[in-house]
Protein backbone atom coordinates (compact mmCIF):
# COMPACT_ATOMS: atom_id res chain seq x y z
CA MET A 1 -169.80 -83.25 30.44
CA LYS A 2 -171.37 -80.37 28.54
CA ASN A 3 -169.97 -76.92 27.85
CA LEU A 4 -166.50 -77.53 29.26
CA LYS A 5 -164.47 -74.36 28.82
CA ILE A 6 -160.71 -74.45 29.15
CA GLU A 7 -158.44 -71.43 28.94
CA MET A 8 -154.75 -72.15 28.42
CA VAL A 9 -152.21 -69.60 29.60
CA HIS A 10 -149.16 -70.10 27.42
CA ASP A 11 -146.34 -68.68 25.39
CA VAL A 12 -145.72 -69.71 21.81
CA VAL A 13 -142.01 -70.32 22.52
CA CYS A 14 -142.56 -72.14 25.84
CA SER A 15 -141.11 -75.65 25.52
CA TRP A 16 -143.52 -77.22 28.01
CA CYS A 17 -146.67 -75.60 26.65
CA PRO A 18 -147.18 -77.90 23.63
CA ILE A 19 -146.55 -80.88 25.92
CA GLY A 20 -149.25 -79.74 28.32
CA TYR A 21 -151.58 -79.00 25.43
CA ALA A 22 -151.05 -82.47 23.93
CA ASN A 23 -151.61 -84.20 27.27
CA LEU A 24 -154.79 -82.21 27.83
CA GLN A 25 -156.05 -83.14 24.38
CA GLN A 26 -155.35 -86.81 25.03
CA ALA A 27 -157.21 -86.66 28.34
CA LEU A 28 -160.22 -85.14 26.59
CA ARG A 29 -160.14 -87.88 23.95
CA ASN A 30 -159.86 -90.58 26.61
CA LEU A 31 -162.91 -89.18 28.37
CA ASN A 32 -164.76 -88.60 25.10
CA ILE A 33 -165.31 -84.96 25.99
CA ASP A 34 -165.44 -81.99 23.64
CA ALA A 35 -164.13 -78.78 25.14
CA ASN A 36 -163.97 -75.17 24.04
CA ILE A 37 -160.30 -74.25 24.40
CA PHE A 38 -159.18 -70.63 24.40
CA PHE A 39 -155.70 -69.16 24.75
CA LEU A 40 -154.41 -66.42 26.99
CA PRO A 41 -151.00 -64.83 26.28
CA SER A 42 -148.10 -64.87 28.71
CA GLU A 43 -144.93 -63.63 27.02
CA LEU A 44 -141.83 -65.07 28.65
CA ASN A 45 -139.50 -62.59 26.95
CA PRO A 46 -141.49 -59.49 25.97
CA ASP A 47 -138.30 -57.42 25.59
CA MET A 48 -136.53 -59.82 23.25
CA GLY A 49 -135.19 -58.13 20.15
CA PRO A 50 -136.18 -58.71 16.52
CA ASN A 51 -133.43 -61.26 15.88
CA GLY A 52 -134.26 -63.43 18.87
CA GLU A 53 -131.54 -65.20 20.83
CA ASN A 54 -129.75 -68.51 20.56
CA ILE A 55 -131.39 -70.93 23.02
CA ASP A 56 -128.15 -72.22 24.55
CA GLU A 57 -126.82 -68.70 24.99
CA TYR A 58 -130.11 -67.62 26.52
CA LEU A 59 -130.14 -70.48 29.06
CA SER A 60 -126.50 -69.79 29.95
CA ARG A 61 -127.11 -66.08 30.40
CA ARG A 62 -130.42 -66.23 32.24
CA TYR A 63 -129.93 -69.30 34.43
CA GLN A 64 -126.14 -69.72 34.40
CA TRP A 65 -126.63 -73.27 33.15
CA THR A 66 -123.54 -75.21 32.16
CA GLN A 67 -123.39 -77.23 28.94
CA LEU A 68 -124.00 -80.40 30.97
CA LYS A 69 -127.05 -78.85 32.64
CA ARG A 70 -128.44 -77.79 29.26
CA GLN A 71 -127.91 -81.27 27.85
CA GLU A 72 -129.64 -82.92 30.82
CA TYR A 73 -132.55 -80.51 30.56
CA ARG A 74 -132.94 -81.17 26.83
CA ILE A 75 -132.91 -84.94 27.33
CA HIS A 76 -135.63 -84.60 29.97
CA LEU A 77 -137.65 -82.25 27.77
CA LEU A 78 -137.43 -84.45 24.68
CA ALA A 79 -138.44 -87.52 26.69
CA ALA A 80 -141.58 -85.73 27.93
CA ALA A 81 -142.29 -84.42 24.44
CA GLY A 82 -141.90 -87.87 22.92
CA GLN A 83 -144.26 -89.38 25.45
CA ALA A 84 -146.83 -86.70 24.63
CA GLY A 85 -146.39 -87.15 20.89
CA VAL A 86 -144.92 -83.67 20.38
CA ALA A 87 -142.17 -83.30 17.77
CA MET A 88 -139.27 -80.98 18.63
CA ASP A 89 -136.30 -80.63 16.30
CA PHE A 90 -133.48 -78.75 18.01
CA SER A 91 -131.36 -78.92 14.88
CA LYS A 92 -133.88 -76.43 13.44
CA ARG A 93 -135.30 -74.82 16.55
CA THR A 94 -132.17 -73.02 17.71
CA ARG A 95 -133.50 -69.62 18.80
CA TYR A 96 -136.09 -68.05 21.07
CA TYR A 97 -138.12 -65.28 19.47
CA ASN A 98 -140.35 -62.46 20.60
CA SER A 99 -143.84 -63.94 20.61
CA ASN A 100 -146.00 -60.80 20.69
CA LYS A 101 -147.10 -60.95 17.05
CA ALA A 102 -147.78 -64.68 17.30
CA HIS A 103 -150.09 -64.09 20.26
CA ARG A 104 -151.84 -61.39 18.24
CA LEU A 105 -152.37 -63.90 15.46
CA ILE A 106 -153.93 -66.38 17.89
CA HIS A 107 -156.16 -63.53 19.08
CA TRP A 108 -157.15 -62.87 15.45
CA SER A 109 -157.96 -66.54 14.89
CA GLU A 110 -160.43 -66.48 17.79
CA ALA A 111 -162.86 -64.45 15.68
CA HIS A 112 -162.72 -67.25 13.09
CA ASN A 113 -163.17 -69.98 15.72
CA LYS A 114 -159.74 -71.35 14.80
CA GLN A 115 -157.60 -70.71 17.88
CA GLN A 116 -156.72 -74.36 18.40
CA ALA A 117 -155.85 -74.83 14.75
CA MET A 118 -153.63 -71.74 14.84
CA ASN A 119 -151.93 -72.87 18.02
CA GLU A 120 -151.17 -76.22 16.39
CA LEU A 121 -149.82 -74.53 13.24
CA LEU A 122 -147.53 -72.38 15.37
CA ILE A 123 -146.30 -75.41 17.30
CA GLY A 124 -145.38 -77.13 14.05
CA ALA A 125 -143.81 -74.02 12.56
CA TYR A 126 -141.63 -73.27 15.57
CA PHE A 127 -140.86 -76.54 17.32
CA GLU A 128 -140.58 -78.76 14.24
CA ARG A 129 -139.34 -76.35 11.57
CA GLY A 130 -137.66 -73.68 13.68
CA LEU A 131 -139.37 -70.83 11.83
CA ASP A 132 -139.10 -67.26 13.10
CA ILE A 133 -142.55 -66.80 14.62
CA SER A 134 -141.81 -63.10 15.21
CA ASN A 135 -141.65 -62.56 11.43
CA THR A 136 -144.83 -61.02 10.03
CA GLN A 137 -144.60 -62.83 6.69
CA VAL A 138 -144.15 -66.19 8.39
CA LEU A 139 -147.24 -65.53 10.49
CA LEU A 140 -149.32 -64.38 7.55
CA GLY A 141 -148.34 -67.55 5.72
CA LEU A 142 -149.80 -69.56 8.59
CA ALA A 143 -152.92 -67.40 8.64
CA GLU A 144 -153.45 -68.11 4.94
CA LYS A 145 -153.56 -71.84 5.65
CA LEU A 146 -156.60 -71.29 7.87
CA VAL A 147 -158.38 -68.34 6.28
CA PRO A 148 -157.60 -67.67 2.61
CA ASP A 149 -159.00 -64.12 2.83
CA ASN A 150 -156.78 -63.10 5.71
CA SER A 151 -156.30 -59.38 5.12
CA SER A 152 -157.49 -58.72 8.66
CA ALA A 153 -154.67 -60.90 10.03
CA GLU A 154 -152.00 -58.38 9.01
CA LEU A 155 -153.97 -55.58 10.66
CA THR A 156 -154.18 -57.60 13.87
CA VAL A 157 -150.50 -58.49 13.86
CA MET A 158 -149.24 -55.00 13.03
CA SER A 159 -151.90 -52.55 14.22
CA HIS A 160 -152.14 -50.82 17.59
CA GLU A 161 -155.93 -51.05 17.40
CA VAL A 162 -155.96 -54.44 19.16
CA ASP A 163 -153.63 -53.33 21.94
CA HIS A 164 -156.45 -52.81 24.43
CA GLN A 165 -157.86 -56.26 23.71
CA MET A 166 -154.45 -57.86 24.25
CA ARG A 167 -153.92 -55.84 27.42
CA ARG A 168 -157.27 -57.05 28.73
CA LYS A 169 -156.19 -60.65 28.25
CA GLN A 170 -152.80 -59.95 29.78
CA LYS A 171 -154.42 -58.28 32.78
CA ARG A 172 -156.48 -61.42 33.37
CA VAL A 173 -153.29 -63.48 33.30
CA ASP A 174 -151.50 -61.07 35.66
CA GLN A 175 -154.31 -61.41 38.19
CA LEU A 176 -153.68 -65.16 38.39
CA GLY A 177 -150.27 -64.61 39.97
CA LEU A 178 -148.62 -67.36 37.95
CA THR A 179 -144.88 -68.02 38.21
CA SER A 180 -144.69 -70.24 35.14
CA VAL A 181 -146.61 -71.53 32.14
CA PRO A 182 -148.49 -73.45 30.95
CA ALA A 183 -151.52 -73.10 33.18
CA PHE A 184 -155.12 -74.09 32.56
CA ILE A 185 -158.37 -72.57 33.81
CA PHE A 186 -161.32 -74.98 33.80
CA ASN A 187 -164.81 -73.44 33.59
CA GLU A 188 -163.37 -70.10 34.73
CA ASN A 189 -162.82 -71.22 38.33
CA LYS A 190 -160.34 -74.10 38.64
CA LEU A 191 -156.69 -73.28 37.96
CA VAL A 192 -154.11 -75.96 37.24
CA SER A 193 -150.46 -75.12 36.64
CA GLY A 194 -147.92 -77.17 34.74
CA SER A 195 -147.83 -79.43 31.69
CA ASN A 196 -148.98 -82.39 33.85
CA SER A 197 -149.71 -85.94 32.77
CA VAL A 198 -152.68 -87.24 30.82
CA GLU A 199 -153.88 -89.00 33.96
CA TYR A 200 -153.66 -85.81 36.01
CA PHE A 201 -155.77 -83.93 33.48
CA GLU A 202 -158.30 -86.76 33.43
CA GLN A 203 -158.69 -86.62 37.20
CA THR A 204 -158.98 -82.83 37.10
CA ILE A 205 -161.74 -82.97 34.51
CA LYS A 206 -163.60 -85.70 36.38
CA SER A 207 -163.48 -83.59 39.56
CA LEU A 208 -165.49 -80.87 37.81
CA HIS A 209 -168.70 -82.94 37.94
């Protein structure tokens, strides 16, 4: 299949997004297909403060989950992550953070044709190492790994000049009427929601013929 375009609607702190991304990547490898993957922002907690919030406290406050419910959810999540080959270390990843700047950095990396690489760096930084991905210096450190001359990265992360570009992407996401992420748009016309299995993604891609 030629010129397969996939847009992933995600949030950097979404636990199921790296699982869906990994399963999609495996499906593409199984089918021996190269795809152009782009990322669209969907902030789960746009009003979260600069210090973030403890994950357990957040789940208790937002969903009224008991400790047992949180434990069951984490076991289920880690099992799915393990099957997808995604590392998550909850001894380090203890907080949710505001993801606005991280999405801006992914937007910046698009101009360098490095969106996927940046997404993967952010996954490692947050889910494996528990880094504060709302911190500008943390983000610029990741940018430096991809583009040594990354002076434009700080402008993108901090400046209001890219607001209209981010709003345009967010408007596209809003028009989809999604209730959760991740979601995937194939060739701009087929929408699939959820992290899904490798097999499901394979069948979806095959159906595009």
